[in-house]
């Protein structure tokens, strides 16, 4: 998978998650990917102050990104 394909797959994963975040007044933005396996995202809106955002990051965001891009090892929120 090329770097461009990896970014497209990450964006597809975020598009799958986005409606759930939007329904709670939040959103997520792709920031970067390092070494083809470490993804940085940024929560926005209600997600920035939500006490459940770490659970959402691991159970929702990271799991979905890994479904589209199995080589990804970590997903972190830089917010």
N, C-alpha and C. Protein backbone atom coordinates (compact mmCIF):
# COMPACT_ATOMS: atom_id res chain seq x y z
N UNK A 1 0.85 -1.17 0.00
CA UNK A 1 0.00 0.00 0.00
C UNK A 1 0.90 1.24 0.00
N UNK A 2 0.64 2.15 -0.93
CA UNK A 2 1.42 3.39 -0.99
C UNK A 2 1.00 4.33 0.14
N UNK A 3 1.80 5.36 0.37
CA UNK A 3 1.48 6.36 1.39
C UNK A 3 0.14 7.03 1.07
N UNK A 4 -0.08 7.32 -0.20
CA UNK A 4 -1.34 7.96 -0.62
C UNK A 4 -2.54 7.04 -0.37
N UNK A 5 -2.37 5.76 -0.67
CA UNK A 5 -3.45 4.79 -0.43
C UNK A 5 -3.73 4.66 1.07
N UNK A 6 -2.68 4.69 1.87
CA UNK A 6 -2.84 4.60 3.32
C UNK A 6 -3.67 5.79 3.82
N UNK A 7 -3.33 6.98 3.37
CA UNK A 7 -4.07 8.18 3.79
C UNK A 7 -5.53 8.08 3.34
N UNK A 8 -5.77 7.62 2.12
CA UNK A 8 -7.15 7.45 1.64
C UNK A 8 -7.92 6.46 2.51
N UNK A 9 -7.27 5.37 2.90
CA UNK A 9 -7.93 4.38 3.75
C UNK A 9 -8.22 4.93 5.14
N UNK A 10 -7.31 5.72 5.68
CA UNK A 10 -7.55 6.35 6.98
C UNK A 10 -8.73 7.30 6.87
N UNK A 11 -8.78 8.08 5.79
CA UNK A 11 -9.90 9.01 5.59
C UNK A 11 -11.23 8.25 5.45
N UNK A 12 -11.20 7.10 4.76
CA UNK A 12 -12.42 6.27 4.64
C UNK A 12 -12.88 5.80 6.01
N UNK A 13 -11.93 5.39 6.84
CA UNK A 13 -12.28 4.93 8.19
C UNK A 13 -12.90 6.08 8.99
N UNK A 14 -12.33 7.27 8.89
CA UNK A 14 -12.87 8.41 9.62
C UNK A 14 -14.26 8.79 9.11
N UNK A 15 -14.49 8.62 7.82
CA UNK A 15 -15.83 8.89 7.27
C UNK A 15 -16.86 7.92 7.84
N UNK A 16 -16.43 6.69 8.12
CA UNK A 16 -17.34 5.70 8.71
C UNK A 16 -17.69 6.08 10.15
N UNK A 17 -16.74 6.64 10.87
CA UNK A 17 -16.92 6.99 12.28
C UNK A 17 -17.62 8.34 12.45
N UNK A 18 -17.37 9.24 11.53
CA UNK A 18 -17.83 10.64 11.65
C UNK A 18 -19.31 10.80 12.00
N UNK A 19 -20.24 10.06 11.37
CA UNK A 19 -21.66 10.25 11.71
C UNK A 19 -21.98 10.01 13.20
N UNK A 20 -21.28 9.06 13.81
CA UNK A 20 -21.50 8.78 15.24
C UNK A 20 -21.01 9.95 16.09
N UNK A 21 -19.87 10.51 15.72
CA UNK A 21 -19.33 11.65 16.46
C UNK A 21 -20.21 12.88 16.24
N UNK A 22 -20.64 13.08 14.99
CA UNK A 22 -21.48 14.24 14.66
C UNK A 22 -22.79 14.20 15.44
N UNK A 23 -23.33 13.00 15.64
CA UNK A 23 -24.62 12.89 16.34
C UNK A 23 -24.51 13.35 17.79
N UNK A 24 -23.29 13.37 18.33
CA UNK A 24 -23.07 13.85 19.70
C UNK A 24 -22.47 15.26 19.71
N UNK A 25 -22.43 15.91 18.55
CA UNK A 25 -21.90 17.27 18.48
C UNK A 25 -20.41 17.36 18.32
N UNK A 26 -19.78 16.26 17.95
CA UNK A 26 -18.32 16.24 17.80
C UNK A 26 -17.90 15.93 16.38
N UNK A 27 -16.59 15.87 16.19
CA UNK A 27 -16.03 15.52 14.89
C UNK A 27 -14.59 15.07 15.11
N UNK A 28 -13.95 14.63 14.02
CA UNK A 28 -12.57 14.20 14.09
C UNK A 28 -11.88 14.60 12.80
N UNK A 29 -10.61 14.97 12.92
CA UNK A 29 -9.84 15.41 11.77
C UNK A 29 -8.54 14.61 11.71
N UNK A 30 -8.19 14.14 10.52
CA UNK A 30 -6.91 13.46 10.31
C UNK A 30 -5.81 14.51 10.30
N UNK A 31 -4.74 14.26 11.07
CA UNK A 31 -3.61 15.18 11.12
C UNK A 31 -2.42 14.64 10.33
N UNK A 32 -1.95 13.44 10.68
CA UNK A 32 -0.78 12.90 9.99
C UNK A 32 -0.64 11.41 10.26
N UNK A 33 0.27 10.80 9.49
CA UNK A 33 0.66 9.42 9.75
C UNK A 33 2.19 9.39 9.67
N UNK A 34 2.80 8.77 10.67
CA UNK A 34 4.26 8.69 10.74
C UNK A 34 4.71 7.25 10.60
N UNK A 35 5.75 7.04 9.83
CA UNK A 35 6.32 5.71 9.61
C UNK A 35 5.28 4.70 9.12
N UNK A 36 4.23 5.19 8.48
CA UNK A 36 3.18 4.35 7.91
C UNK A 36 2.42 3.54 8.97
N UNK A 37 2.61 3.84 10.27
CA UNK A 37 1.92 3.03 11.28
C UNK A 37 1.46 3.79 12.51
N UNK A 38 1.76 5.08 12.60
CA UNK A 38 1.35 5.87 13.77
C UNK A 38 0.50 7.04 13.28
N UNK A 39 -0.78 7.00 13.60
CA UNK A 39 -1.73 7.99 13.09
C UNK A 39 -2.04 9.02 14.18
N UNK A 40 -2.07 10.29 13.75
CA UNK A 40 -2.47 11.37 14.65
C UNK A 40 -3.77 11.96 14.14
N UNK A 41 -4.72 12.09 15.06
CA UNK A 41 -6.01 12.70 14.75
C UNK A 41 -6.28 13.80 15.77
N UNK A 42 -7.30 14.59 15.50
CA UNK A 42 -7.69 15.62 16.46
C UNK A 42 -9.20 15.61 16.59
N UNK A 43 -9.67 15.41 17.84
CA UNK A 43 -11.09 15.51 18.11
C UNK A 43 -11.49 16.97 18.07
N UNK A 44 -12.73 17.22 17.64
CA UNK A 44 -13.24 18.57 17.55
C UNK A 44 -14.63 18.63 18.16
N UNK A 45 -15.10 19.84 18.44
CA UNK A 45 -16.44 20.03 18.98
C UNK A 45 -16.60 19.38 20.34
N UNK A 46 -17.74 18.74 20.54
CA UNK A 46 -18.05 18.13 21.83
C UNK A 46 -17.05 17.05 22.23
N UNK A 47 -16.37 16.46 21.26
CA UNK A 47 -15.41 15.39 21.56
C UNK A 47 -14.21 15.90 22.37
N UNK A 48 -13.91 17.19 22.27
CA UNK A 48 -12.73 17.70 22.96
C UNK A 48 -12.90 17.70 24.47
N UNK A 49 -14.14 17.78 24.94
CA UNK A 49 -14.36 17.82 26.39
C UNK A 49 -15.09 16.58 26.91
N UNK A 50 -15.30 15.61 26.06
CA UNK A 50 -16.05 14.41 26.46
C UNK A 50 -15.18 13.48 27.29
N UNK A 51 -15.71 13.03 28.42
CA UNK A 51 -14.97 12.12 29.29
C UNK A 51 -14.79 10.73 28.67
N UNK A 52 -15.56 10.44 27.65
CA UNK A 52 -15.47 9.12 27.01
C UNK A 52 -14.59 9.12 25.76
N UNK A 53 -13.94 10.24 25.46
CA UNK A 53 -13.19 10.34 24.20
C UNK A 53 -12.04 9.34 24.10
N UNK A 54 -11.38 9.01 25.21
CA UNK A 54 -10.29 8.02 25.13
C UNK A 54 -10.84 6.64 24.76
N UNK A 55 -11.99 6.30 25.30
CA UNK A 55 -12.63 5.03 24.93
C UNK A 55 -13.05 5.03 23.48
N UNK A 56 -13.59 6.16 23.04
CA UNK A 56 -13.98 6.30 21.63
C UNK A 56 -12.75 6.18 20.73
N UNK A 57 -11.66 6.79 21.15
CA UNK A 57 -10.43 6.74 20.35
C UNK A 57 -9.96 5.31 20.17
N UNK A 58 -9.90 4.54 21.24
CA UNK A 58 -9.38 3.17 21.16
C UNK A 58 -10.40 2.20 20.56
N UNK A 59 -11.62 2.19 21.10
CA UNK A 59 -12.61 1.21 20.67
C UNK A 59 -13.22 1.54 19.32
N UNK A 60 -13.41 2.81 19.04
CA UNK A 60 -14.05 3.18 17.79
C UNK A 60 -13.08 3.57 16.69
N UNK A 61 -12.32 4.61 16.93
CA UNK A 61 -11.45 5.17 15.90
C UNK A 61 -10.32 4.22 15.53
N UNK A 62 -9.55 3.77 16.52
CA UNK A 62 -8.39 2.92 16.23
C UNK A 62 -8.82 1.61 15.60
N UNK A 63 -9.88 1.00 16.12
CA UNK A 63 -10.37 -0.27 15.57
C UNK A 63 -10.80 -0.11 14.12
N UNK A 64 -11.51 0.98 13.82
CA UNK A 64 -11.99 1.19 12.45
C UNK A 64 -10.83 1.50 11.51
N UNK A 65 -9.88 2.30 11.94
CA UNK A 65 -8.72 2.60 11.09
C UNK A 65 -7.95 1.31 10.80
N UNK A 66 -7.77 0.46 11.81
CA UNK A 66 -7.04 -0.80 11.60
C UNK A 66 -7.78 -1.73 10.65
N UNK A 67 -9.10 -1.61 10.59
CA UNK A 67 -9.87 -2.42 9.64
C UNK A 67 -9.51 -2.02 8.21
N UNK A 68 -9.34 -0.73 7.97
CA UNK A 68 -9.01 -0.22 6.64
C UNK A 68 -7.51 -0.25 6.36
N UNK A 69 -6.70 -0.14 7.41
CA UNK A 69 -5.24 -0.08 7.25
C UNK A 69 -4.60 -0.92 8.36
N UNK A 70 -4.52 -2.24 8.16
CA UNK A 70 -4.05 -3.14 9.22
C UNK A 70 -2.63 -2.87 9.72
N UNK A 71 -1.81 -2.19 8.92
CA UNK A 71 -0.43 -1.93 9.35
C UNK A 71 -0.35 -0.84 10.42
N UNK A 72 -1.43 -0.10 10.65
CA UNK A 72 -1.43 0.95 11.66
C UNK A 72 -1.33 0.31 13.05
N UNK A 73 -0.42 0.83 13.86
CA UNK A 73 -0.20 0.29 15.20
C UNK A 73 -0.82 1.17 16.29
N UNK A 74 -0.77 2.48 16.11
CA UNK A 74 -1.30 3.38 17.14
C UNK A 74 -2.08 4.51 16.51
N UNK A 75 -3.07 4.98 17.26
CA UNK A 75 -3.83 6.17 16.88
C UNK A 75 -3.88 7.04 18.12
N UNK A 76 -3.42 8.29 17.98
CA UNK A 76 -3.43 9.21 19.12
C UNK A 76 -4.15 10.50 18.76
N UNK A 77 -4.80 11.06 19.76
CA UNK A 77 -5.46 12.35 19.61
C UNK A 77 -4.47 13.43 20.07
N UNK A 78 -4.20 14.38 19.21
CA UNK A 78 -3.25 15.43 19.57
C UNK A 78 -3.91 16.63 20.22
N UNK A 79 -5.24 16.57 20.41
CA UNK A 79 -5.99 17.69 20.95
C UNK A 79 -5.55 18.07 22.32
